[in-house]
Amino acid sequence: MSLADKSTTFFREGDIEQKWYLVDATGKTLGRVASQVAHLLRGKHKPQFTPNADLGDFVVVVNADKVQVTGKRAEMKEYFHYTGYPGGAVFQQFKDVLKNHPERVIEHAVKGMIPHTKLGRRIIKKLKVYAGTEHPHAAQKPQPIEFK
């Protein structure tokens, strides 16, 4: 074996075809769905995974309003936001966010699981979350995927 045979192949974004997947969150646990969606967005399910390139797929999540959490998390979990002004701390209960903006629950969970870099900001744009069963991405023909 020569040294050229032992080199690692790195792939570019144009070399890999990006697919569209459809995930139904009905009755599933928030953290489990979010980790599996982050895995697809990042591209770690592909043998061509390259850590410094955006090789992941697009993911459409439907029925975000039917996602569940275990135990007392629905009452105890809070989301924190700081406006930048003195006294501008905003706390929101999980159940209130799920009722008013169910998409934000999954987006927030997935965003915490991808890199917090320029690459991560590009990856999160490939996540499309909808509260109901309808979505405007039928033209892309997303393949339904069922997680174990």
N, C-alpha and C. Protein backbone atom coordinates (compact mmCIF):
# COMPACT_ATOMS: atom_id res chain seq x y z
N MET A 1 0.83 -1.19 0.00
CA MET A 1 0.00 0.00 0.00
C MET A 1 0.87 1.25 0.00
N SER A 2 0.56 2.11 -0.87
CA SER A 2 1.29 3.37 -0.90
C SER A 2 0.58 4.40 -0.03
N LEU A 3 1.24 5.50 0.17
CA LEU A 3 0.68 6.56 1.00
C LEU A 3 -0.58 7.15 0.36
N ALA A 4 -0.66 7.14 -0.96
CA ALA A 4 -1.83 7.69 -1.66
C ALA A 4 -3.07 6.85 -1.40
N ASP A 5 -2.91 5.56 -1.14
CA ASP A 5 -4.06 4.69 -0.89
C ASP A 5 -4.65 4.92 0.49
N LYS A 6 -3.88 5.49 1.41
CA LYS A 6 -4.34 5.67 2.77
C LYS A 6 -4.97 7.03 3.03
N SER A 7 -5.11 7.86 2.01
CA SER A 7 -5.63 9.20 2.23
C SER A 7 -7.15 9.17 2.42
N THR A 8 -7.64 10.07 3.23
CA THR A 8 -9.06 10.19 3.49
C THR A 8 -9.70 11.04 2.40
N THR A 9 -10.85 10.59 1.92
CA THR A 9 -11.57 11.33 0.89
C THR A 9 -12.56 12.26 1.57
N PHE A 10 -12.48 13.55 1.25
CA PHE A 10 -13.44 14.52 1.75
C PHE A 10 -14.34 14.93 0.59
N PHE A 11 -15.60 15.06 0.87
CA PHE A 11 -16.57 15.37 -0.17
C PHE A 11 -16.99 16.83 -0.08
N ARG A 12 -17.36 17.38 -1.23
CA ARG A 12 -17.86 18.75 -1.29
C ARG A 12 -19.38 18.71 -1.38
N GLU A 13 -19.98 19.85 -1.13
CA GLU A 13 -21.43 19.91 -1.12
C GLU A 13 -22.04 19.61 -2.48
N GLY A 14 -21.36 19.95 -3.55
CA GLY A 14 -21.88 19.68 -4.88
C GLY A 14 -21.79 18.23 -5.30
N ASP A 15 -20.98 17.44 -4.59
CA ASP A 15 -20.80 16.03 -4.94
C ASP A 15 -21.94 15.14 -4.45
N ILE A 16 -22.68 15.58 -3.47
CA ILE A 16 -23.68 14.75 -2.81
C ILE A 16 -25.08 15.25 -3.15
N GLU A 17 -25.98 14.33 -3.44
CA GLU A 17 -27.38 14.68 -3.70
C GLU A 17 -28.10 14.79 -2.36
N GLN A 18 -28.80 15.89 -2.17
CA GLN A 18 -29.55 16.09 -0.93
C GLN A 18 -31.00 15.69 -1.14
N LYS A 19 -31.50 14.83 -0.27
CA LYS A 19 -32.87 14.32 -0.36
C LYS A 19 -33.77 15.11 0.58
N TRP A 20 -35.06 14.87 0.45
CA TRP A 20 -36.06 15.46 1.33
C TRP A 20 -36.73 14.34 2.10
N TYR A 21 -36.85 14.50 3.41
CA TYR A 21 -37.51 13.52 4.25
C TYR A 21 -38.69 14.15 4.96
N LEU A 22 -39.72 13.35 5.22
CA LEU A 22 -40.91 13.79 5.93
C LEU A 22 -41.01 13.02 7.24
N VAL A 23 -41.07 13.75 8.35
CA VAL A 23 -41.15 13.15 9.68
C VAL A 23 -42.48 13.54 10.31
N ASP A 24 -43.21 12.54 10.79
CA ASP A 24 -44.47 12.79 11.49
C ASP A 24 -44.20 12.70 12.99
N ALA A 25 -44.42 13.81 13.71
CA ALA A 25 -44.09 13.87 15.14
C ALA A 25 -45.25 13.46 16.04
N THR A 26 -46.31 12.92 15.49
CA THR A 26 -47.49 12.58 16.28
C THR A 26 -47.15 11.54 17.34
N GLY A 27 -47.36 11.90 18.61
CA GLY A 27 -47.18 10.97 19.72
C GLY A 27 -45.74 10.62 20.04
N LYS A 28 -44.77 11.27 19.42
CA LYS A 28 -43.37 10.95 19.67
C LYS A 28 -42.78 11.89 20.71
N THR A 29 -41.72 11.43 21.37
CA THR A 29 -41.06 12.22 22.39
C THR A 29 -40.21 13.30 21.73
N LEU A 30 -40.25 14.50 22.28
CA LEU A 30 -39.58 15.66 21.69
C LEU A 30 -38.09 15.43 21.49
N GLY A 31 -37.39 15.00 22.51
CA GLY A 31 -35.94 14.84 22.41
C GLY A 31 -35.51 13.77 21.43
N ARG A 32 -36.26 12.69 21.36
CA ARG A 32 -35.92 11.61 20.42
C ARG A 32 -36.12 12.05 18.98
N VAL A 33 -37.22 12.73 18.72
CA VAL A 33 -37.46 13.23 17.37
C VAL A 33 -36.40 14.25 16.99
N ALA A 34 -36.08 15.15 17.92
CA ALA A 34 -35.11 16.22 17.63
C ALA A 34 -33.73 15.65 17.34
N SER A 35 -33.30 14.65 18.09
CA SER A 35 -31.96 14.09 17.86
C SER A 35 -31.89 13.36 16.53
N GLN A 36 -32.96 12.67 16.16
CA GLN A 36 -32.95 11.95 14.89
C GLN A 36 -33.05 12.92 13.71
N VAL A 37 -33.79 14.00 13.87
CA VAL A 37 -33.88 15.02 12.82
C VAL A 37 -32.53 15.71 12.67
N ALA A 38 -31.87 16.03 13.78
CA ALA A 38 -30.55 16.66 13.72
C ALA A 38 -29.55 15.75 13.02
N HIS A 39 -29.66 14.45 13.24
CA HIS A 39 -28.79 13.47 12.59
C HIS A 39 -28.95 13.53 11.06
N LEU A 40 -30.21 13.62 10.60
CA LEU A 40 -30.47 13.71 9.16
C LEU A 40 -30.00 15.04 8.58
N LEU A 41 -30.26 16.14 9.30
CA LEU A 41 -29.86 17.46 8.82
C LEU A 41 -28.35 17.57 8.68
N ARG A 42 -27.63 16.98 9.62
CA ARG A 42 -26.17 17.06 9.64
C ARG A 42 -25.54 16.16 8.58
N GLY A 43 -26.24 15.09 8.19
CA GLY A 43 -25.73 14.18 7.17
C GLY A 43 -24.93 13.02 7.74
N LYS A 44 -25.07 12.76 9.04
CA LYS A 44 -24.29 11.71 9.67
C LYS A 44 -24.74 10.31 9.28
N HIS A 45 -25.89 10.19 8.66
CA HIS A 45 -26.39 8.89 8.23
C HIS A 45 -25.77 8.45 6.90
N LYS A 46 -24.99 9.32 6.27
CA LYS A 46 -24.39 9.01 4.98
C LYS A 46 -22.94 8.55 5.16
N PRO A 47 -22.50 7.61 4.35
CA PRO A 47 -21.10 7.19 4.45
C PRO A 47 -20.13 8.27 3.98
N GLN A 48 -20.60 9.27 3.25
CA GLN A 48 -19.75 10.36 2.76
C GLN A 48 -19.68 11.52 3.75
N PHE A 49 -20.10 11.35 5.00
CA PHE A 49 -20.14 12.44 5.97
C PHE A 49 -18.80 13.14 6.06
N THR A 50 -18.84 14.45 5.95
CA THR A 50 -17.67 15.29 6.09
C THR A 50 -18.01 16.37 7.12
N PRO A 51 -17.23 16.49 8.20
CA PRO A 51 -17.62 17.38 9.29
C PRO A 51 -17.66 18.86 8.93
N ASN A 52 -16.90 19.29 7.94
CA ASN A 52 -16.85 20.72 7.64
C ASN A 52 -17.68 21.10 6.42
N ALA A 53 -18.58 20.22 5.97
CA ALA A 53 -19.41 20.51 4.82
C ALA A 53 -20.87 20.20 5.14
N ASP A 54 -21.75 20.91 4.49
CA ASP A 54 -23.18 20.71 4.68
C ASP A 54 -23.68 19.66 3.70
N LEU A 55 -23.59 18.39 4.08
CA LEU A 55 -23.98 17.29 3.21
C LEU A 55 -25.30 16.65 3.63
N GLY A 56 -25.96 17.23 4.62
CA GLY A 56 -27.19 16.65 5.14
C GLY A 56 -28.37 16.86 4.21
N ASP A 57 -29.50 16.32 4.62
CA ASP A 57 -30.71 16.36 3.82
C ASP A 57 -31.70 17.37 4.38
N PHE A 58 -32.72 17.67 3.60
CA PHE A 58 -33.80 18.53 4.05
C PHE A 58 -34.79 17.69 4.84
N VAL A 59 -35.34 18.25 5.90
CA VAL A 59 -36.30 17.52 6.73
C VAL A 59 -37.54 18.38 6.94
N VAL A 60 -38.71 17.80 6.64
CA VAL A 60 -39.99 18.44 6.87
C VAL A 60 -40.65 17.70 8.03
N VAL A 61 -40.95 18.42 9.11
CA VAL A 61 -41.60 17.82 10.28
C VAL A 61 -43.03 18.32 10.32
N VAL A 62 -43.98 17.38 10.34
CA VAL A 62 -45.40 17.74 10.42
C VAL A 62 -45.96 17.28 11.76
N ASN A 63 -47.11 17.83 12.11
CA ASN A 63 -47.79 17.54 13.38
C ASN A 63 -46.92 17.88 14.58
N ALA A 64 -46.27 19.03 14.53
CA ALA A 64 -45.43 19.47 15.64
C ALA A 64 -46.25 19.74 16.89
N ASP A 65 -47.53 20.02 16.72
CA ASP A 65 -48.38 20.28 17.88
C ASP A 65 -48.74 19.01 18.64
N LYS A 66 -48.43 17.84 18.09
CA LYS A 66 -48.77 16.58 18.75
C LYS A 66 -47.55 15.89 19.35
N VAL A 67 -46.44 16.61 19.46
CA VAL A 67 -45.24 16.04 20.07
C VAL A 67 -45.46 15.98 21.59
N GLN A 68 -44.83 15.00 22.23
CA GLN A 68 -45.03 14.81 23.66
C GLN A 68 -43.72 14.93 24.41
N VAL A 69 -43.83 15.15 25.71
CA VAL A 69 -42.68 15.10 26.61
C VAL A 69 -43.06 14.18 27.76
N THR A 70 -42.05 13.65 28.45
CA THR A 70 -42.32 12.68 29.50
C THR A 70 -42.35 13.34 30.86
N GLY A 71 -42.95 12.65 31.80
CA GLY A 71 -42.98 13.11 33.18
C GLY A 71 -43.69 14.44 33.34
N LYS A 72 -43.13 15.29 34.21
CA LYS A 72 -43.72 16.60 34.50
C LYS A 72 -43.13 17.71 33.63
N ARG A 73 -42.45 17.33 32.55
CA ARG A 73 -41.78 18.33 31.74
C ARG A 73 -42.74 19.36 31.15
N ALA A 74 -43.94 18.96 30.84
CA ALA A 74 -44.90 19.90 30.25
C ALA A 74 -45.17 21.07 31.19
N GLU A 75 -45.16 20.82 32.49
CA GLU A 75 -45.40 21.89 33.46
C GLU A 75 -44.10 22.58 33.88
N MET A 76 -42.99 21.85 33.91
CA MET A 76 -41.76 22.38 34.49
C MET A 76 -40.81 23.02 33.48
N LYS A 77 -40.84 22.57 32.23
CA LYS A 77 -39.88 23.08 31.24
C LYS A 77 -40.20 24.53 30.88
N GLU A 78 -39.16 25.37 30.85
CA GLU A 78 -39.31 26.78 30.49
C GLU A 78 -38.33 27.16 29.40
N TYR A 79 -38.74 28.10 28.58
CA TYR A 79 -37.85 28.67 27.58
C TYR A 79 -37.50 30.08 28.03
N PHE A 80 -36.22 30.44 27.90
CA PHE A 80 -35.73 31.73 28.37
C PHE A 80 -35.26 32.55 27.18
N HIS A 81 -35.62 33.82 27.20
CA HIS A 81 -35.18 34.75 26.16
C HIS A 81 -34.86 36.08 26.82
N TYR A 82 -33.77 36.69 26.44
CA TYR A 82 -33.39 37.99 27.00
C TYR A 82 -33.44 39.02 25.89
N THR A 83 -34.21 40.08 26.10
CA THR A 83 -34.43 41.09 25.07
C THR A 83 -33.24 42.02 24.88
N GLY A 84 -32.36 42.10 25.87
CA GLY A 84 -31.23 43.00 25.80
C GLY A 84 -31.43 44.24 26.64
N TYR A 85 -32.62 44.46 27.12
CA TYR A 85 -32.92 45.60 27.97
C TYR A 85 -32.87 45.19 29.44
N PRO A 86 -32.59 46.13 30.34
CA PRO A 86 -32.64 45.81 31.78
C PRO A 86 -34.03 45.30 32.16
N GLY A 87 -34.06 44.21 32.86
CA GLY A 87 -35.34 43.59 33.23
C GLY A 87 -36.03 42.92 32.07
N GLY A 88 -35.31 42.65 31.01
CA GLY A 88 -35.92 42.10 29.80
C GLY A 88 -35.88 40.60 29.71
N ALA A 89 -35.79 39.90 30.83
CA ALA A 89 -35.81 38.45 30.81
C ALA A 89 -37.24 37.97 30.57
N VAL A 90 -37.41 37.08 29.59
CA VAL A 90 -38.72 36.55 29.26
C VAL A 90 -38.69 35.05 29.46
N PHE A 91 -39.57 34.54 30.29
CA PHE A 91 -39.71 33.11 30.52
C PHE A 91 -41.05 32.66 29.96
N GLN A 92 -41.04 31.54 29.23
CA GLN A 92 -42.28 30.99 28.68
C GLN A 92 -42.37 29.52 29.07
N GLN A 93 -43.53 29.10 29.50
CA GLN A 93 -43.77 27.71 29.84
C GLN A 93 -43.84 26.88 28.56
N PHE A 94 -43.40 25.62 28.65
CA PHE A 94 -43.43 24.71 27.51
C PHE A 94 -44.84 24.55 26.97
N LYS A 95 -45.80 24.36 27.86
CA LYS A 95 -47.18 24.11 27.41
C LYS A 95 -47.76 25.33 26.68
N ASP A 96 -47.34 26.55 27.08
CA ASP A 96 -47.82 27.75 26.39
C ASP A 96 -47.20 27.88 25.00
N VAL A 97 -45.92 27.59 24.90
CA VAL A 97 -45.25 27.66 23.59
C VAL A 97 -45.83 26.59 22.66
N LEU A 98 -46.08 25.39 23.20
CA LEU A 98 -46.64 24.31 22.39
C LEU A 98 -48.04 24.67 21.89
N LYS A 99 -48.81 25.39 22.70
CA LYS A 99 -50.16 25.77 22.31
C LYS A 99 -50.15 26.90 21.29
N ASN A 100 -49.28 27.91 21.48
CA ASN A 100 -49.30 29.10 20.62
C ASN A 100 -48.40 28.97 19.38
N HIS A 101 -47.21 28.41 19.54
CA HIS A 101 -46.25 28.28 18.44
C HIS A 101 -45.59 26.90 18.50
N PRO A 102 -46.29 25.84 18.12
CA PRO A 102 -45.73 24.49 18.28
C PRO A 102 -44.48 24.23 17.43
N GLU A 103 -44.28 25.00 16.36
CA GLU A 103 -43.10 24.80 15.52
C GLU A 103 -41.83 25.14 16.30
N ARG A 104 -41.92 26.16 17.14
CA ARG A 104 -40.74 26.63 17.87
C ARG A 104 -40.17 25.59 18.82
N VAL A 105 -41.02 24.71 19.33
CA VAL A 105 -40.56 23.69 20.27
C VAL A 105 -39.56 22.76 19.59
N ILE A 106 -39.91 22.27 18.41
CA ILE A 106 -39.02 21.36 17.69
C ILE A 106 -37.82 22.12 17.13
N GLU A 107 -38.03 23.31 16.61
CA GLU A 107 -36.92 24.10 16.08
C GLU A 107 -35.88 24.38 17.16
N HIS A 108 -36.33 24.73 18.35
CA HIS A 108 -35.42 25.02 19.46
C HIS A 108 -34.64 23.78 19.87
N ALA A 109 -35.32 22.65 19.93
CA ALA A 109 -34.65 21.40 20.34
C ALA A 109 -33.60 20.97 19.32
N VAL A 110 -33.94 21.06 18.04
CA VAL A 110 -33.00 20.65 16.99
C VAL A 110 -31.84 21.62 16.91
N LYS A 111 -32.12 22.92 17.05
CA LYS A 111 -31.07 23.93 16.95
C LYS A 111 -29.99 23.73 18.02
N GLY A 112 -30.40 23.24 19.18
CA GLY A 112 -29.43 22.98 20.23
C GLY A 112 -28.56 21.77 19.97
N MET A 113 -28.92 20.95 18.99
CA MET A 113 -28.20 19.71 18.71
C MET A 113 -27.29 19.79 17.49
N ILE A 114 -27.27 20.91 16.81
CA ILE A 114 -26.37 21.07 15.67
C ILE A 114 -25.28 22.05 16.06
N PRO A 115 -24.18 22.13 15.32
CA PRO A 115 -23.08 23.02 15.68
C PRO A 115 -23.52 24.48 15.74
N HIS A 116 -22.98 25.21 16.69
CA HIS A 116 -23.30 26.63 16.85
C HIS A 116 -22.26 27.47 16.11
N THR A 117 -22.19 27.26 14.80
CA THR A 117 -21.21 27.92 13.95
C THR A 117 -21.91 28.41 12.68
N LYS A 118 -21.13 28.94 11.75
CA LYS A 118 -21.70 29.34 10.46
C LYS A 118 -22.32 28.14 9.76
N LEU A 119 -21.67 26.98 9.87
CA LEU A 119 -22.19 25.77 9.25
C LEU A 119 -23.54 25.39 9.86
N GLY A 120 -23.65 25.51 11.17
CA GLY A 120 -24.90 25.20 11.85
C GLY A 120 -26.02 26.12 11.44
N ARG A 121 -25.71 27.37 11.21
CA ARG A 121 -26.74 28.32 10.77
C ARG A 121 -27.22 27.99 9.36
N ARG A 122 -26.37 27.42 8.54
CA ARG A 122 -26.79 26.98 7.21
C ARG A 122 -27.60 25.70 7.28
N ILE A 123 -27.21 24.81 8.19
CA ILE A 123 -27.90 23.53 8.32
C ILE A 123 -29.32 23.71 8.83
N ILE A 124 -29.53 24.60 9.80
CA ILE A 124 -30.85 24.75 10.41
C ILE A 124 -31.87 25.30 9.41
N LYS A 125 -31.42 25.94 8.34
CA LYS A 125 -32.34 26.45 7.33
C LYS A 125 -32.98 25.34 6.51
N LYS A 126 -32.44 24.13 6.61
CA LYS A 126 -33.01 23.00 5.88
C LYS A 126 -34.09 22.28 6.67
N LEU A 127 -34.38 22.78 7.87
CA LEU A 127 -35.44 22.22 8.70
C LEU A 127 -36.73 23.00 8.47
N LYS A 128 -37.79 22.30 8.11
CA LYS A 128 -39.10 22.92 7.88
C LYS A 128 -40.09 22.25 8.84
N VAL A 129 -40.67 23.03 9.75
CA VAL A 129 -41.56 22.48 10.77
C VAL A 129 -42.95 23.09 10.62
N TYR A 130 -43.98 22.24 10.68
CA TYR A 130 -45.36 22.68 10.53
C TYR A 130 -46.22 22.06 11.62
N ALA A 131 -47.18 22.84 12.13
CA ALA A 131 -48.03 22.40 13.23
C ALA A 131 -49.00 21.31 12.79
N GLY A 132 -49.56 21.43 11.62
CA GLY A 132 -50.54 20.46 11.13
C GLY A 132 -49.93 19.46 10.16
N THR A 133 -50.81 18.79 9.42
CA THR A 133 -50.34 17.78 8.47
C THR A 133 -50.01 18.37 7.11
N GLU A 134 -50.47 19.58 6.83
CA GLU A 134 -50.23 20.21 5.53
C GLU A 134 -48.87 20.90 5.49
N HIS A 135 -48.20 20.79 4.34
CA HIS A 135 -46.94 21.49 4.13
C HIS A 135 -46.80 21.84 2.65
N PRO A 136 -46.09 22.91 2.31
CA PRO A 136 -45.99 23.36 0.92
C PRO A 136 -44.83 22.73 0.14
N HIS A 137 -44.31 21.60 0.61
CA HIS A 137 -43.13 21.00 -0.03
C HIS A 137 -43.47 19.71 -0.78
N ALA A 138 -44.69 19.59 -1.27
CA ALA A 138 -45.09 18.39 -2.00
C ALA A 138 -44.33 18.24 -3.31
N ALA A 139 -43.91 19.36 -3.91
CA ALA A 139 -43.20 19.31 -5.18
C ALA A 139 -41.83 18.64 -5.04
N GLN A 140 -41.25 18.71 -3.85
CA GLN A 140 -39.94 18.09 -3.61
C GLN A 140 -40.06 16.59 -3.36
N LYS A 141 -41.28 16.09 -3.22
CA LYS A 141 -41.56 14.67 -2.97
C LYS A 141 -40.77 14.13 -1.78
N PRO A 142 -41.03 14.66 -0.58
CA PRO A 142 -40.29 14.15 0.59
C PRO A 142 -40.67 12.71 0.89
N GLN A 143 -39.66 11.90 1.21
CA GLN A 143 -39.89 10.49 1.52
C GLN A 143 -40.23 10.37 3.02
N PRO A 144 -41.35 9.71 3.34
CA PRO A 144 -41.65 9.52 4.76
C PRO A 144 -40.61 8.62 5.40
N ILE A 145 -40.16 9.00 6.58
CA ILE A 145 -39.17 8.19 7.29
C ILE A 145 -39.70 7.92 8.68
N GLU A 146 -39.59 6.67 9.11
CA GLU A 146 -40.06 6.25 10.42
C GLU A 146 -38.86 5.90 11.26
N PHE A 147 -38.78 6.49 12.45
CA PHE A 147 -37.65 6.23 13.34
C PHE A 147 -37.98 5.06 14.23
N LYS A 148 -36.94 4.36 14.65
CA LYS A 148 -37.13 3.21 15.54
C LYS A 148 -37.39 3.63 16.94
